[in-house]
């Protein structure tokens, strides 16, 4: 999970990902990218994931496949593309 958060921090720093909340639209808090990346994944169900075998965890895969809020990609600098 730390690697995923680091990847999102990198993407935010390079303007490829921005904060996103479905109800409110895009949010640009101005927070440090690592703070934003941690916030995006703050709903990750750590208590449900097998800590010794998390890569094969159904919860981990389901979470990543269904994560549809918290972030959006910037497409060619012209519009936002929310996941899902």
PDB file of N, CA and C in Angstrom:
ATOM      1  N   UNK A   1       0.833  -1.193   0.000  1.00  0.00           N
ATOM      2  CA  UNK A   1       0.000   0.000   0.000  1.00  0.00           C
ATOM      3  C   UNK A   1       0.877   1.256   0.000  1.00  0.00           C
ATOM      4  N   UNK A   2       2.003   1.179   0.697  1.00  0.00           N
ATOM      5  CA  UNK A   2       2.918   2.326   0.704  1.00  0.00           C
ATOM      6  C   UNK A   2       3.421   2.647  -0.695  1.00  0.00           C
ATOM      7  N   UNK A   3       3.668   1.602  -1.495  1.00  0.00           N
ATOM      8  CA  UNK A   3       4.118   1.825  -2.872  1.00  0.00           C
ATOM      9  C   UNK A   3       3.025   2.494  -3.699  1.00  0.00           C
ATOM     10  N   UNK A   4       1.788   2.073  -3.502  1.00  0.00           N
ATOM     11  CA  UNK A   4       0.671   2.681  -4.222  1.00  0.00           C
ATOM     12  C   UNK A   4       0.511   4.155  -3.835  1.00  0.00           C
ATOM     13  N   UNK A   5       0.620   4.433  -2.549  1.00  0.00           N
ATOM     14  CA  UNK A   5       0.526   5.820  -2.077  1.00  0.00           C
ATOM     15  C   UNK A   5       1.673   6.651  -2.643  1.00  0.00           C
ATOM     16  N   UNK A   6       2.876   6.074  -2.671  1.00  0.00           N
ATOM     17  CA  UNK A   6       4.028   6.788  -3.254  1.00  0.00           C
ATOM     18  C   UNK A   6       3.825   7.050  -4.741  1.00  0.00           C
ATOM     19  N   UNK A   7       3.227   6.084  -5.432  1.00  0.00           N
ATOM     20  CA  UNK A   7       2.937   6.265  -6.852  1.00  0.00           C
ATOM     21  C   UNK A   7       1.963   7.422  -7.052  1.00  0.00           C
ATOM     22  N   UNK A   8       0.920   7.491  -6.224  1.00  0.00           N
ATOM     23  CA  UNK A   8      -0.040   8.581  -6.343  1.00  0.00           C
ATOM     24  C   UNK A   8       0.595   9.913  -5.958  1.00  0.00           C
ATOM     25  N   UNK A   9       1.478   9.913  -4.981  1.00  0.00           N
ATOM     26  CA  UNK A   9       2.195  11.148  -4.640  1.00  0.00           C
ATOM     27  C   UNK A   9       2.970  11.639  -5.861  1.00  0.00           C
ATOM     28  N   UNK A  10       3.665  10.729  -6.532  1.00  0.00           N
ATOM     29  CA  UNK A  10       4.413  11.078  -7.749  1.00  0.00           C
ATOM     30  C   UNK A  10       3.466  11.624  -8.825  1.00  0.00           C
ATOM     31  N   UNK A  11       2.340  10.950  -9.029  1.00  0.00           N
ATOM     32  CA  UNK A  11       1.381  11.380 -10.050  1.00  0.00           C
ATOM     33  C   UNK A  11       0.800  12.755  -9.732  1.00  0.00           C
ATOM     34  N   UNK A  12       0.564  13.020  -8.459  1.00  0.00           N
ATOM     35  CA  UNK A  12       0.031  14.325  -8.057  1.00  0.00           C
ATOM     36  C   UNK A  12       1.082  15.409  -8.272  1.00  0.00           C
ATOM     37  N   UNK A  13       2.317  15.118  -7.884  1.00  0.00           N
ATOM     38  CA  UNK A  13       3.411  16.091  -8.076  1.00  0.00           C
ATOM     39  C   UNK A  13       3.606  16.438  -9.552  1.00  0.00           C
ATOM     40  N   UNK A  14       3.332  15.475 -10.418  1.00  0.00           N
ATOM     41  CA  UNK A  14       3.530  15.680 -11.851  1.00  0.00           C
ATOM     42  C   UNK A  14       2.237  16.035 -12.581  1.00  0.00           C
ATOM     43  N   UNK A  15       1.230  16.442 -11.813  1.00  0.00           N
ATOM     44  CA  UNK A  15      -0.049  16.916 -12.379  1.00  0.00           C
ATOM     45  C   UNK A  15      -0.741  15.892 -13.266  1.00  0.00           C
ATOM     46  N   UNK A  16      -0.655  14.618 -12.909  1.00  0.00           N
ATOM     47  CA  UNK A  16      -1.385  13.573 -13.629  1.00  0.00           C
ATOM     48  C   UNK A  16      -2.629  13.129 -12.876  1.00  0.00           C
ATOM     49  N   UNK A  17      -2.657  13.397 -11.575  1.00  0.00           N
ATOM     50  CA  UNK A  17      -3.777  13.020 -10.716  1.00  0.00           C
ATOM     51  C   UNK A  17      -4.105  14.209  -9.836  1.00  0.00           C
ATOM     52  N   UNK A  18      -5.387  14.425  -9.585  1.00  0.00           N
ATOM     53  CA  UNK A  18      -5.816  15.479  -8.667  1.00  0.00           C
ATOM     54  C   UNK A  18      -6.827  14.891  -7.693  1.00  0.00           C
ATOM     55  N   UNK A  19      -7.064  15.627  -6.625  1.00  0.00           N
ATOM     56  CA  UNK A  19      -8.103  15.223  -5.680  1.00  0.00           C
ATOM     57  C   UNK A  19      -9.461  15.271  -6.368  1.00  0.00           C
ATOM     58  N   UNK A  20     -10.346  14.395  -5.924  1.00  0.00           N
ATOM     59  CA  UNK A  20     -11.673  14.344  -6.534  1.00  0.00           C
ATOM     60  C   UNK A  20     -12.667  13.805  -5.521  1.00  0.00           C
ATOM     61  N   UNK A  21     -13.781  14.452  -5.408  1.00  0.00           N
ATOM     62  CA  UNK A  21     -14.874  13.961  -4.572  1.00  0.00           C
ATOM     63  C   UNK A  21     -16.123  14.011  -5.405  1.00  0.00           C
ATOM     64  N   UNK A  22     -16.800  12.889  -5.543  1.00  0.00           N
ATOM     65  CA  UNK A  22     -17.951  12.782  -6.443  1.00  0.00           C
ATOM     66  C   UNK A  22     -18.994  13.870  -6.226  1.00  0.00           C
ATOM     67  N   UNK A  23     -19.354  14.105  -4.985  1.00  0.00           N
ATOM     68  CA  UNK A  23     -20.434  15.051  -4.721  1.00  0.00           C
ATOM     69  C   UNK A  23     -20.032  16.498  -5.016  1.00  0.00           C
ATOM     70  N   UNK A  24     -18.770  16.803  -4.810  1.00  0.00           N
ATOM     71  CA  UNK A  24     -18.330  18.195  -4.892  1.00  0.00           C
ATOM     72  C   UNK A  24     -17.587  18.525  -6.182  1.00  0.00           C
ATOM     73  N   UNK A  25     -17.189  17.517  -6.920  1.00  0.00           N
ATOM     74  CA  UNK A  25     -16.352  17.780  -8.073  1.00  0.00           C
ATOM     75  C   UNK A  25     -14.889  17.829  -7.662  1.00  0.00           C
ATOM     76  N   UNK A  26     -14.060  18.438  -8.477  1.00  0.00           N
ATOM     77  CA  UNK A  26     -12.622  18.483  -8.203  1.00  0.00           C
ATOM     78  C   UNK A  26     -12.323  19.357  -6.998  1.00  0.00           C
ATOM     79  N   UNK A  27     -11.337  18.932  -6.240  1.00  0.00           N
ATOM     80  CA  UNK A  27     -10.897  19.680  -5.066  1.00  0.00           C
ATOM     81  C   UNK A  27      -9.387  19.874  -5.184  1.00  0.00           C
ATOM     82  N   UNK A  28      -8.954  21.093  -5.080  1.00  0.00           N
ATOM     83  CA  UNK A  28      -7.532  21.401  -5.113  1.00  0.00           C
ATOM     84  C   UNK A  28      -7.177  22.035  -3.781  1.00  0.00           C
ATOM     85  N   UNK A  29      -6.806  21.221  -2.806  1.00  0.00           N
ATOM     86  CA  UNK A  29      -6.611  21.703  -1.446  1.00  0.00           C
ATOM     87  C   UNK A  29      -5.319  22.483  -1.285  1.00  0.00           C
ATOM     88  N   UNK A  30      -4.346  22.210  -2.132  1.00  0.00           N
ATOM     89  CA  UNK A  30      -3.054  22.845  -1.961  1.00  0.00           C
ATOM     90  C   UNK A  30      -2.184  22.123  -0.950  1.00  0.00           C
ATOM     91  N   UNK A  31      -2.697  21.017  -0.389  1.00  0.00           N
ATOM     92  CA  UNK A  31      -1.906  20.220   0.542  1.00  0.00           C
ATOM     93  C   UNK A  31      -0.751  19.558  -0.188  1.00  0.00           C
ATOM     94  N   UNK A  32       0.267  19.185   0.572  1.00  0.00           N
ATOM     95  CA  UNK A  32       1.398  18.471   0.017  1.00  0.00           C
ATOM     96  C   UNK A  32       0.904  17.183  -0.646  1.00  0.00           C
ATOM     97  N   UNK A  33       1.472  16.788  -1.780  1.00  0.00           N
ATOM     98  CA  UNK A  33       1.005  15.592  -2.482  1.00  0.00           C
ATOM     99  C   UNK A  33       0.950  14.323  -1.636  1.00  0.00           C
ATOM    100  N   UNK A  34       1.881  14.140  -0.701  1.00  0.00           N
ATOM    101  CA  UNK A  34       1.828  12.928   0.136  1.00  0.00           C
ATOM    102  C   UNK A  34       0.608  12.967   1.046  1.00  0.00           C
ATOM    103  N   UNK A  35       0.226  14.139   1.502  1.00  0.00           N
ATOM    104  CA  UNK A  35      -0.973  14.289   2.332  1.00  0.00           C
ATOM    105  C   UNK A  35      -2.215  13.946   1.510  1.00  0.00           C
ATOM    106  N   UNK A  36      -2.253  14.435   0.283  1.00  0.00           N
ATOM    107  CA  UNK A  36      -3.389  14.162  -0.607  1.00  0.00           C
ATOM    108  C   UNK A  36      -3.462  12.665  -0.919  1.00  0.00           C
ATOM    109  N   UNK A  37      -2.324  12.043  -1.255  1.00  0.00           N
ATOM    110  CA  UNK A  37      -2.301  10.615  -1.576  1.00  0.00           C
ATOM    111  C   UNK A  37      -2.786   9.784  -0.394  1.00  0.00           C
ATOM    112  N   UNK A  38      -2.341  10.124   0.800  1.00  0.00           N
ATOM    113  CA  UNK A  38      -2.796   9.394   1.997  1.00  0.00           C
ATOM    114  C   UNK A  38      -4.291   9.584   2.212  1.00  0.00           C
ATOM    115  N   UNK A  39      -4.783  10.779   1.946  1.00  0.00           N
ATOM    116  CA  UNK A  39      -6.215  11.052   2.110  1.00  0.00           C
ATOM    117  C   UNK A  39      -7.038  10.237   1.111  1.00  0.00           C
ATOM    118  N   UNK A  40      -6.553  10.133  -0.116  1.00  0.00           N
ATOM    119  CA  UNK A  40      -7.267   9.372  -1.149  1.00  0.00           C
ATOM    120  C   UNK A  40      -7.476   7.926  -0.703  1.00  0.00           C
ATOM    121  N   UNK A  41      -6.476   7.347  -0.082  1.00  0.00           N
ATOM    122  CA  UNK A  41      -6.567   5.944   0.326  1.00  0.00           C
ATOM    123  C   UNK A  41      -6.854   5.755   1.811  1.00  0.00           C
ATOM    124  N   UNK A  42      -7.351   6.779   2.455  1.00  0.00           N
ATOM    125  CA  UNK A  42      -7.636   6.690   3.889  1.00  0.00           C
ATOM    126  C   UNK A  42      -8.775   5.734   4.215  1.00  0.00           C
ATOM    127  N   UNK A  43      -9.578   5.383   3.206  1.00  0.00           N
ATOM    128  CA  UNK A  43     -10.685   4.456   3.442  1.00  0.00           C
ATOM    129  C   UNK A  43     -10.300   2.997   3.182  1.00  0.00           C
ATOM    130  N   UNK A  44      -9.017   2.736   2.963  1.00  0.00           N
ATOM    131  CA  UNK A  44      -8.579   1.367   2.707  1.00  0.00           C
ATOM    132  C   UNK A  44      -8.831   0.489   3.935  1.00  0.00           C
ATOM    133  N   UNK A  45      -9.448  -0.680   3.751  1.00  0.00           N
ATOM    134  CA  UNK A  45      -9.833  -1.532   4.893  1.00  0.00           C
ATOM    135  C   UNK A  45      -8.680  -2.383   5.419  1.00  0.00           C
ATOM    136  N   UNK A  46      -7.708  -1.741   6.050  1.00  0.00           N
ATOM    137  CA  UNK A  46      -6.537  -2.464   6.563  1.00  0.00           C
ATOM    138  C   UNK A  46      -6.917  -3.624   7.467  1.00  0.00           C
ATOM    139  N   UNK A  47      -7.964  -3.463   8.248  1.00  0.00           N
ATOM    140  CA  UNK A  47      -8.352  -4.505   9.191  1.00  0.00           C
ATOM    141  C   UNK A  47      -8.905  -5.756   8.503  1.00  0.00           C
ATOM    142  N   UNK A  48      -9.283  -5.664   7.239  1.00  0.00           N
ATOM    143  CA  UNK A  48      -9.841  -6.805   6.518  1.00  0.00           C
ATOM    144  C   UNK A  48      -8.819  -7.520   5.640  1.00  0.00           C
ATOM    145  N   UNK A  49      -7.637  -6.957   5.521  1.00  0.00           N
ATOM    146  CA  UNK A  49      -6.636  -7.501   4.612  1.00  0.00           C
ATOM    147  C   UNK A  49      -5.662  -8.390   5.367  1.00  0.00           C
ATOM    148  N   UNK A  50      -5.387  -9.550   4.802  1.00  0.00           N
ATOM    149  CA  UNK A  50      -4.396 -10.464   5.365  1.00  0.00           C
ATOM    150  C   UNK A  50      -3.019  -9.819   5.210  1.00  0.00           C
ATOM    151  N   UNK A  51      -2.450  -9.419   6.310  1.00  0.00           N
ATOM    152  CA  UNK A  51      -1.194  -8.671   6.259  1.00  0.00           C
ATOM    153  C   UNK A  51      -0.015  -9.491   5.726  1.00  0.00           C
ATOM    154  N   UNK A  52      -0.105 -10.827   5.807  1.00  0.00           N
ATOM    155  CA  UNK A  52       0.968 -11.673   5.306  1.00  0.00           C
ATOM    156  C   UNK A  52       0.806 -12.013   3.830  1.00  0.00           C
ATOM    157  N   UNK A  53      -0.398 -11.832   3.307  1.00  0.00           N
ATOM    158  CA  UNK A  53      -0.663 -12.216   1.931  1.00  0.00           C
ATOM    159  C   UNK A  53      -1.586 -11.205   1.268  1.00  0.00           C
ATOM    160  N   UNK A  54      -1.315  -9.932   1.445  1.00  0.00           N
ATOM    161  CA  UNK A  54      -2.228  -8.887   0.993  1.00  0.00           C
ATOM    162  C   UNK A  54      -2.358  -8.828  -0.528  1.00  0.00           C
ATOM    163  N   UNK A  55      -1.340  -9.202  -1.258  1.00  0.00           N
ATOM    164  CA  UNK A  55      -1.430  -9.128  -2.723  1.00  0.00           C
ATOM    165  C   UNK A  55      -2.486 -10.082  -3.273  1.00  0.00           C
ATOM    166  N   UNK A  56      -2.758 -11.145  -2.551  1.00  0.00           N
ATOM    167  CA  UNK A  56      -3.758 -12.114  -2.998  1.00  0.00           C
ATOM    168  C   UNK A  56      -5.092 -11.925  -2.274  1.00  0.00           C
ATOM    169  N   UNK A  57      -5.169 -10.897  -1.487  1.00  0.00           N
ATOM    170  CA  UNK A  57      -6.387 -10.656  -0.717  1.00  0.00           C
ATOM    171  C   UNK A  57      -7.535 -10.217  -1.623  1.00  0.00           C
ATOM    172  N   UNK A  58      -8.693 -10.836  -1.470  1.00  0.00           N
ATOM    173  CA  UNK A  58      -9.872 -10.421  -2.220  1.00  0.00           C
ATOM    174  C   UNK A  58     -10.259  -8.993  -1.868  1.00  0.00           C
ATOM    175  N   UNK A  59     -10.082  -8.606  -0.616  1.00  0.00           N
ATOM    176  CA  UNK A  59     -10.431  -7.244  -0.197  1.00  0.00           C
ATOM    177  C   UNK A  59      -9.547  -6.222  -0.890  1.00  0.00           C
ATOM    178  N   UNK A  60      -8.252  -6.511  -0.974  1.00  0.00           N
ATOM    179  CA  UNK A  60      -7.321  -5.592  -1.619  1.00  0.00           C
ATOM    180  C   UNK A  60      -7.696  -5.409  -3.086  1.00  0.00           C
ATOM    181  N   UNK A  61      -7.895  -6.517  -3.803  1.00  0.00           N
ATOM    182  CA  UNK A  61      -8.253  -6.444  -5.223  1.00  0.00           C
ATOM    183  C   UNK A  61      -9.604  -5.764  -5.419  1.00  0.00           C
ATOM    184  N   UNK A  62     -10.575  -6.118  -4.611  1.00  0.00           N
ATOM    185  CA  UNK A  62     -11.909  -5.513  -4.725  1.00  0.00           C
ATOM    186  C   UNK A  62     -11.855  -4.016  -4.468  1.00  0.00           C
ATOM    187  N   UNK A  63     -11.098  -3.629  -3.472  1.00  0.00           N
ATOM    188  CA  UNK A  63     -10.964  -2.206  -3.148  1.00  0.00           C
ATOM    189  C   UNK A  63     -10.391  -1.450  -4.345  1.00  0.00           C
ATOM    190  N   UNK A  64      -9.298  -1.949  -4.893  1.00  0.00           N
ATOM    191  CA  UNK A  64      -8.656  -1.247  -6.002  1.00  0.00           C
ATOM    192  C   UNK A  64      -9.547  -1.205  -7.236  1.00  0.00           C
ATOM    193  N   UNK A  65     -10.273  -2.282  -7.496  1.00  0.00           N
ATOM    194  CA  UNK A  65     -11.141  -2.323  -8.665  1.00  0.00           C
ATOM    195  C   UNK A  65     -12.368  -1.433  -8.518  1.00  0.00           C
ATOM    196  N   UNK A  66     -12.793  -1.230  -7.280  1.00  0.00           N
ATOM    197  CA  UNK A  66     -14.023  -0.457  -7.073  1.00  0.00           C
ATOM    198  C   UNK A  66     -13.767   0.965  -6.579  1.00  0.00           C
ATOM    199  N   UNK A  67     -12.511   1.323  -6.385  1.00  0.00           N
ATOM    200  CA  UNK A  67     -12.180   2.674  -5.906  1.00  0.00           C
ATOM    201  C   UNK A  67     -12.594   3.675  -6.973  1.00  0.00           C
ATOM    202  N   UNK A  68     -13.631   4.429  -6.702  1.00  0.00           N
ATOM    203  CA  UNK A  68     -14.140   5.350  -7.729  1.00  0.00           C
ATOM    204  C   UNK A  68     -14.238   6.786  -7.227  1.00  0.00           C
ATOM    205  N   UNK A  69     -13.726   7.043  -6.054  1.00  0.00           N
ATOM    206  CA  UNK A  69     -13.722   8.424  -5.582  1.00  0.00           C
ATOM    207  C   UNK A  69     -12.383   8.728  -4.927  1.00  0.00           C
ATOM    208  N   UNK A  70     -12.132   9.997  -4.735  1.00  0.00           N
ATOM    209  CA  UNK A  70     -10.892  10.414  -4.116  1.00  0.00           C
ATOM    210  C   UNK A  70      -9.882  10.990  -5.093  1.00  0.00           C
ATOM    211  N   UNK A  71      -9.933  10.561  -6.341  1.00  0.00           N
ATOM    212  CA  UNK A  71      -8.949  11.074  -7.290  1.00  0.00           C
ATOM    213  C   UNK A  71      -9.513  11.061  -8.714  1.00  0.00           C
ATOM    214  N   UNK A  72      -8.877  11.847  -9.554  1.00  0.00           N
ATOM    215  CA  UNK A  72      -9.205  11.866 -10.982  1.00  0.00           C
ATOM    216  C   UNK A  72      -7.905  12.052 -11.753  1.00  0.00           C
ATOM    217  N   UNK A  73      -7.880  11.564 -12.964  1.00  0.00           N
ATOM    218  CA  UNK A  73      -6.731  11.750 -13.848  1.00  0.00           C
ATOM    219  C   UNK A  73      -6.966  12.981 -14.709  1.00  0.00           C
ATOM    220  N   UNK A  74      -5.898  13.667 -15.014  1.00  0.00           N
ATOM    221  CA  UNK A  74      -5.988  14.796 -15.937  1.00  0.00           C
ATOM    222  C   UNK A  74      -5.652  14.264 -17.323  1.00  0.00           C
ATOM    223  N   UNK A  75      -6.578  14.447 -18.256  1.00  0.00           N
ATOM    224  CA  UNK A  75      -6.404  13.916 -19.601  1.00  0.00           C
ATOM    225  C   UNK A  75      -5.944  15.032 -20.519  1.00  0.00           C
ATOM    226  N   UNK A  76      -4.711  14.907 -20.986  1.00  0.00           N
ATOM    227  CA  UNK A  76      -4.120  15.868 -21.919  1.00  0.00           C
ATOM    228  C   UNK A  76      -4.280  17.311 -21.451  1.00  0.00           C
ATOM    229  N   UNK A  77      -4.357  17.504 -20.148  1.00  0.00           N
ATOM    230  CA  UNK A  77      -4.437  18.847 -19.593  1.00  0.00           C
ATOM    231  C   UNK A  77      -5.724  19.580 -19.880  1.00  0.00           C
ATOM    232  N   UNK A  78      -6.742  18.868 -20.406  1.00  0.00           N
ATOM    233  CA  UNK A  78      -7.960  19.572 -20.802  1.00  0.00           C
ATOM    234  C   UNK A  78      -9.187  19.231 -19.960  1.00  0.00           C
ATOM    235  N   UNK A  79      -9.242  18.019 -19.420  1.00  0.00           N
ATOM    236  CA  UNK A  79     -10.405  17.680 -18.617  1.00  0.00           C
ATOM    237  C   UNK A  79     -10.057  16.570 -17.607  1.00  0.00           C
ATOM    238  N   UNK A  80     -10.927  16.425 -16.628  1.00  0.00           N
ATOM    239  CA  UNK A  80     -10.732  15.429 -15.584  1.00  0.00           C
ATOM    240  C   UNK A  80     -11.441  14.145 -15.946  1.00  0.00           C
ATOM    241  N   UNK A  81     -10.814  13.033 -15.619  1.00  0.00           N
ATOM    242  CA  UNK A  81     -11.408  11.737 -15.867  1.00  0.00           C
ATOM    243  C   UNK A  81     -11.457  10.974 -14.553  1.00  0.00           C
ATOM    244  N   UNK A  82     -12.614  11.005 -13.877  1.00  0.00           N
ATOM    245  CA  UNK A  82     -12.728  10.253 -12.624  1.00  0.00           C
ATOM    246  C   UNK A  82     -12.777   8.761 -12.897  1.00  0.00           C
ATOM    247  N   UNK A  83     -12.229   7.949 -12.010  1.00  0.00           N
ATOM    248  CA  UNK A  83     -12.265   6.499 -12.225  1.00  0.00           C
ATOM    249  C   UNK A  83     -13.684   5.961 -12.113  1.00  0.00           C
ATOM    250  N   UNK A  84     -13.855   4.732 -12.596  1.00  0.00           N
ATOM    251  CA  UNK A  84     -15.161   4.071 -12.463  1.00  0.00           C
ATOM    252  C   UNK A  84     -16.068   4.556 -13.481  1.00  0.00           C
TER     253      UNK A  84
END
